[in-house]
Amino acid sequence: MSEPELSQRDRDILDFASRSWTGPGARDRAVRERLGISPTAYLQFLNALLDDPRALAYAPTTINRLRAARDQRRGQR
């Protein structure tokens, strides 16, 4: 049996994460307006998606970019 597909919310979060922003303020406003969640919730959902194989299949470029950034941050600690 295959895994269920990503939810619409998860796809929306990944689509949103694929965009670039001029700064955190602009992104945070857009998160609230477009996704209807807090920036903290957005980052929590996004972080969980980084390790989801369905997310990698849906948005490989975005997931690989964000994983690399996460790995780089972890290496600096």
N, C-alpha and C. Protein backbone atom coordinates (compact mmCIF):
# COMPACT_ATOMS: atom_id res chain seq x y z
N MET A 1 0.85 -1.19 0.00
CA MET A 1 0.00 0.00 0.00
C MET A 1 0.88 1.24 0.00
N SER A 2 0.61 2.18 -0.86
CA SER A 2 1.44 3.38 -0.95
C SER A 2 1.01 4.39 0.11
N GLU A 3 1.93 5.30 0.40
CA GLU A 3 1.65 6.35 1.39
C GLU A 3 0.63 7.32 0.81
N PRO A 4 -0.21 7.91 1.68
CA PRO A 4 -1.15 8.92 1.18
C PRO A 4 -0.39 10.13 0.65
N GLU A 5 -1.02 10.83 -0.25
CA GLU A 5 -0.39 12.02 -0.81
C GLU A 5 -0.29 13.12 0.24
N LEU A 6 0.53 14.11 -0.05
CA LEU A 6 0.62 15.27 0.82
C LEU A 6 -0.72 15.98 0.88
N SER A 7 -1.00 16.57 2.01
CA SER A 7 -2.23 17.36 2.13
C SER A 7 -2.09 18.65 1.32
N GLN A 8 -3.21 19.29 1.08
CA GLN A 8 -3.17 20.57 0.37
C GLN A 8 -2.35 21.58 1.16
N ARG A 9 -2.50 21.59 2.49
CA ARG A 9 -1.73 22.51 3.33
C ARG A 9 -0.23 22.27 3.15
N ASP A 10 0.18 20.99 3.14
CA ASP A 10 1.60 20.69 2.97
C ASP A 10 2.10 21.15 1.60
N ARG A 11 1.32 20.93 0.56
CA ARG A 11 1.72 21.40 -0.78
C ARG A 11 1.79 22.92 -0.82
N ASP A 12 0.84 23.59 -0.17
CA ASP A 12 0.86 25.06 -0.12
C ASP A 12 2.11 25.56 0.60
N ILE A 13 2.48 24.90 1.69
CA ILE A 13 3.68 25.30 2.44
C ILE A 13 4.92 25.10 1.58
N LEU A 14 5.01 23.99 0.88
CA LEU A 14 6.17 23.75 0.02
C LEU A 14 6.21 24.74 -1.15
N ASP A 15 5.06 25.03 -1.73
CA ASP A 15 5.02 26.02 -2.82
C ASP A 15 5.47 27.38 -2.30
N PHE A 16 5.01 27.74 -1.11
CA PHE A 16 5.38 29.01 -0.50
C PHE A 16 6.89 29.04 -0.22
N ALA A 17 7.43 27.93 0.27
CA ALA A 17 8.86 27.86 0.62
C ALA A 17 9.75 27.96 -0.61
N SER A 18 9.21 27.70 -1.78
CA SER A 18 10.03 27.76 -2.99
C SER A 18 10.31 29.19 -3.43
N ARG A 19 9.59 30.15 -2.86
CA ARG A 19 9.77 31.56 -3.22
C ARG A 19 10.93 32.16 -2.43
N SER A 20 11.46 33.24 -2.95
CA SER A 20 12.48 33.98 -2.20
C SER A 20 11.86 35.28 -1.71
N TRP A 21 12.37 35.77 -0.60
CA TRP A 21 11.81 36.95 0.05
C TRP A 21 12.91 37.97 0.30
N THR A 22 12.52 39.23 0.34
CA THR A 22 13.49 40.30 0.58
C THR A 22 13.94 40.32 2.03
N GLY A 23 13.15 39.75 2.91
CA GLY A 23 13.52 39.70 4.32
C GLY A 23 12.49 38.95 5.11
N PRO A 24 12.80 38.66 6.38
CA PRO A 24 11.86 37.88 7.19
C PRO A 24 10.53 38.58 7.43
N GLY A 25 10.53 39.90 7.49
CA GLY A 25 9.28 40.62 7.72
C GLY A 25 8.28 40.40 6.59
N ALA A 26 8.76 40.49 5.36
CA ALA A 26 7.88 40.28 4.20
C ALA A 26 7.37 38.84 4.19
N ARG A 27 8.25 37.89 4.47
CA ARG A 27 7.84 36.49 4.48
C ARG A 27 6.80 36.25 5.59
N ASP A 28 7.06 36.78 6.77
CA ASP A 28 6.15 36.56 7.90
C ASP A 28 4.76 37.12 7.62
N ARG A 29 4.69 38.30 7.02
CA ARG A 29 3.39 38.87 6.65
C ARG A 29 2.68 37.98 5.64
N ALA A 30 3.43 37.52 4.65
CA ALA A 30 2.84 36.67 3.61
C ALA A 30 2.38 35.33 4.19
N VAL A 31 3.11 34.79 5.14
CA VAL A 31 2.69 33.54 5.78
C VAL A 31 1.32 33.73 6.42
N ARG A 32 1.17 34.80 7.16
CA ARG A 32 -0.11 35.06 7.82
C ARG A 32 -1.24 35.28 6.80
N GLU A 33 -0.95 36.07 5.76
CA GLU A 33 -1.98 36.40 4.78
C GLU A 33 -2.33 35.24 3.87
N ARG A 34 -1.35 34.54 3.37
CA ARG A 34 -1.60 33.51 2.36
C ARG A 34 -1.86 32.14 2.94
N LEU A 35 -1.18 31.80 4.03
CA LEU A 35 -1.35 30.47 4.60
C LEU A 35 -2.27 30.46 5.81
N GLY A 36 -2.48 31.64 6.41
CA GLY A 36 -3.38 31.73 7.55
C GLY A 36 -2.84 31.09 8.82
N ILE A 37 -1.52 31.01 8.93
CA ILE A 37 -0.89 30.45 10.12
C ILE A 37 0.21 31.40 10.58
N SER A 38 0.70 31.19 11.79
CA SER A 38 1.78 32.03 12.29
C SER A 38 3.10 31.64 11.64
N PRO A 39 4.07 32.55 11.61
CA PRO A 39 5.38 32.20 11.08
C PRO A 39 6.02 31.04 11.84
N THR A 40 5.79 30.95 13.15
CA THR A 40 6.34 29.84 13.93
C THR A 40 5.74 28.52 13.48
N ALA A 41 4.42 28.48 13.29
CA ALA A 41 3.77 27.26 12.83
C ALA A 41 4.26 26.89 11.43
N TYR A 42 4.43 27.88 10.57
CA TYR A 42 4.94 27.64 9.21
C TYR A 42 6.30 26.94 9.28
N LEU A 43 7.20 27.47 10.10
CA LEU A 43 8.54 26.88 10.19
C LEU A 43 8.49 25.48 10.78
N GLN A 44 7.59 25.24 11.73
CA GLN A 44 7.45 23.90 12.30
C GLN A 44 6.94 22.91 11.26
N PHE A 45 5.91 23.31 10.51
CA PHE A 45 5.39 22.44 9.45
C PHE A 45 6.46 22.18 8.39
N LEU A 46 7.15 23.24 7.99
CA LEU A 46 8.17 23.11 6.96
C LEU A 46 9.31 22.21 7.42
N ASN A 47 9.75 22.37 8.65
CA ASN A 47 10.82 21.53 9.17
C ASN A 47 10.42 20.05 9.16
N ALA A 48 9.18 19.76 9.53
CA ALA A 48 8.71 18.37 9.51
C ALA A 48 8.68 17.82 8.08
N LEU A 49 8.36 18.68 7.12
CA LEU A 49 8.30 18.23 5.73
C LEU A 49 9.68 17.93 5.15
N LEU A 50 10.72 18.51 5.70
CA LEU A 50 12.07 18.29 5.15
C LEU A 50 12.48 16.83 5.18
N ASP A 51 11.93 16.06 6.09
CA ASP A 51 12.29 14.65 6.22
C ASP A 51 11.20 13.72 5.68
N ASP A 52 10.23 14.26 4.99
CA ASP A 52 9.12 13.47 4.45
C ASP A 52 9.44 13.12 2.99
N PRO A 53 9.53 11.83 2.67
CA PRO A 53 9.85 11.45 1.28
C PRO A 53 8.81 11.94 0.27
N ARG A 54 7.57 12.10 0.71
CA ARG A 54 6.53 12.62 -0.19
C ARG A 54 6.82 14.07 -0.56
N ALA A 55 7.35 14.84 0.40
CA ALA A 55 7.70 16.23 0.12
C ALA A 55 8.86 16.29 -0.86
N LEU A 56 9.83 15.40 -0.70
CA LEU A 56 10.96 15.35 -1.63
C LEU A 56 10.48 15.01 -3.04
N ALA A 57 9.53 14.11 -3.14
CA ALA A 57 8.99 13.75 -4.47
C ALA A 57 8.21 14.92 -5.07
N TYR A 58 7.51 15.68 -4.24
CA TYR A 58 6.69 16.79 -4.72
C TYR A 58 7.53 18.00 -5.12
N ALA A 59 8.53 18.34 -4.30
CA ALA A 59 9.33 19.56 -4.53
C ALA A 59 10.80 19.28 -4.27
N PRO A 60 11.45 18.49 -5.11
CA PRO A 60 12.83 18.10 -4.84
C PRO A 60 13.81 19.26 -4.75
N THR A 61 13.68 20.24 -5.60
CA THR A 61 14.61 21.37 -5.57
C THR A 61 14.48 22.14 -4.26
N THR A 62 13.26 22.42 -3.86
CA THR A 62 13.02 23.16 -2.62
C THR A 62 13.51 22.37 -1.41
N ILE A 63 13.16 21.09 -1.35
CA ILE A 63 13.55 20.26 -0.21
C ILE A 63 15.07 20.14 -0.14
N ASN A 64 15.72 19.89 -1.25
CA ASN A 64 17.18 19.76 -1.23
C ASN A 64 17.87 21.07 -0.83
N ARG A 65 17.35 22.20 -1.28
CA ARG A 65 17.91 23.50 -0.90
C ARG A 65 17.75 23.73 0.59
N LEU A 66 16.58 23.45 1.12
CA LEU A 66 16.32 23.67 2.54
C LEU A 66 17.09 22.68 3.42
N ARG A 67 17.23 21.44 2.95
CA ARG A 67 18.03 20.47 3.70
C ARG A 67 19.49 20.91 3.77
N ALA A 68 20.01 21.41 2.66
CA ALA A 68 21.41 21.87 2.64
C ALA A 68 21.59 23.04 3.60
N ALA A 69 20.64 23.97 3.62
CA ALA A 69 20.72 25.10 4.54
C ALA A 69 20.66 24.62 5.99
N ARG A 70 19.78 23.67 6.27
CA ARG A 70 19.66 23.12 7.61
C ARG A 70 20.96 22.42 8.02
N ASP A 71 21.51 21.62 7.12
CA ASP A 71 22.76 20.92 7.42
C ASP A 71 23.90 21.90 7.67
N GLN A 72 23.95 22.98 6.90
CA GLN A 72 24.97 23.98 7.09
C GLN A 72 24.83 24.65 8.46
N ARG A 73 23.61 24.99 8.85
CA ARG A 73 23.38 25.58 10.17
C ARG A 73 23.79 24.63 11.29
N ARG A 74 23.47 23.37 11.12
CA ARG A 74 23.83 22.37 12.16
C ARG A 74 25.34 22.20 12.25
N GLY A 75 26.03 22.36 11.15
CA GLY A 75 27.48 22.23 11.15
C GLY A 75 28.18 23.41 11.80
N GLN A 76 27.49 24.53 11.89
CA GLN A 76 28.09 25.74 12.49
C GLN A 76 27.97 25.78 13.99
N ARG A 77 27.23 24.87 14.57
CA ARG A 77 27.03 24.86 16.02
C ARG A 77 28.18 24.22 16.73
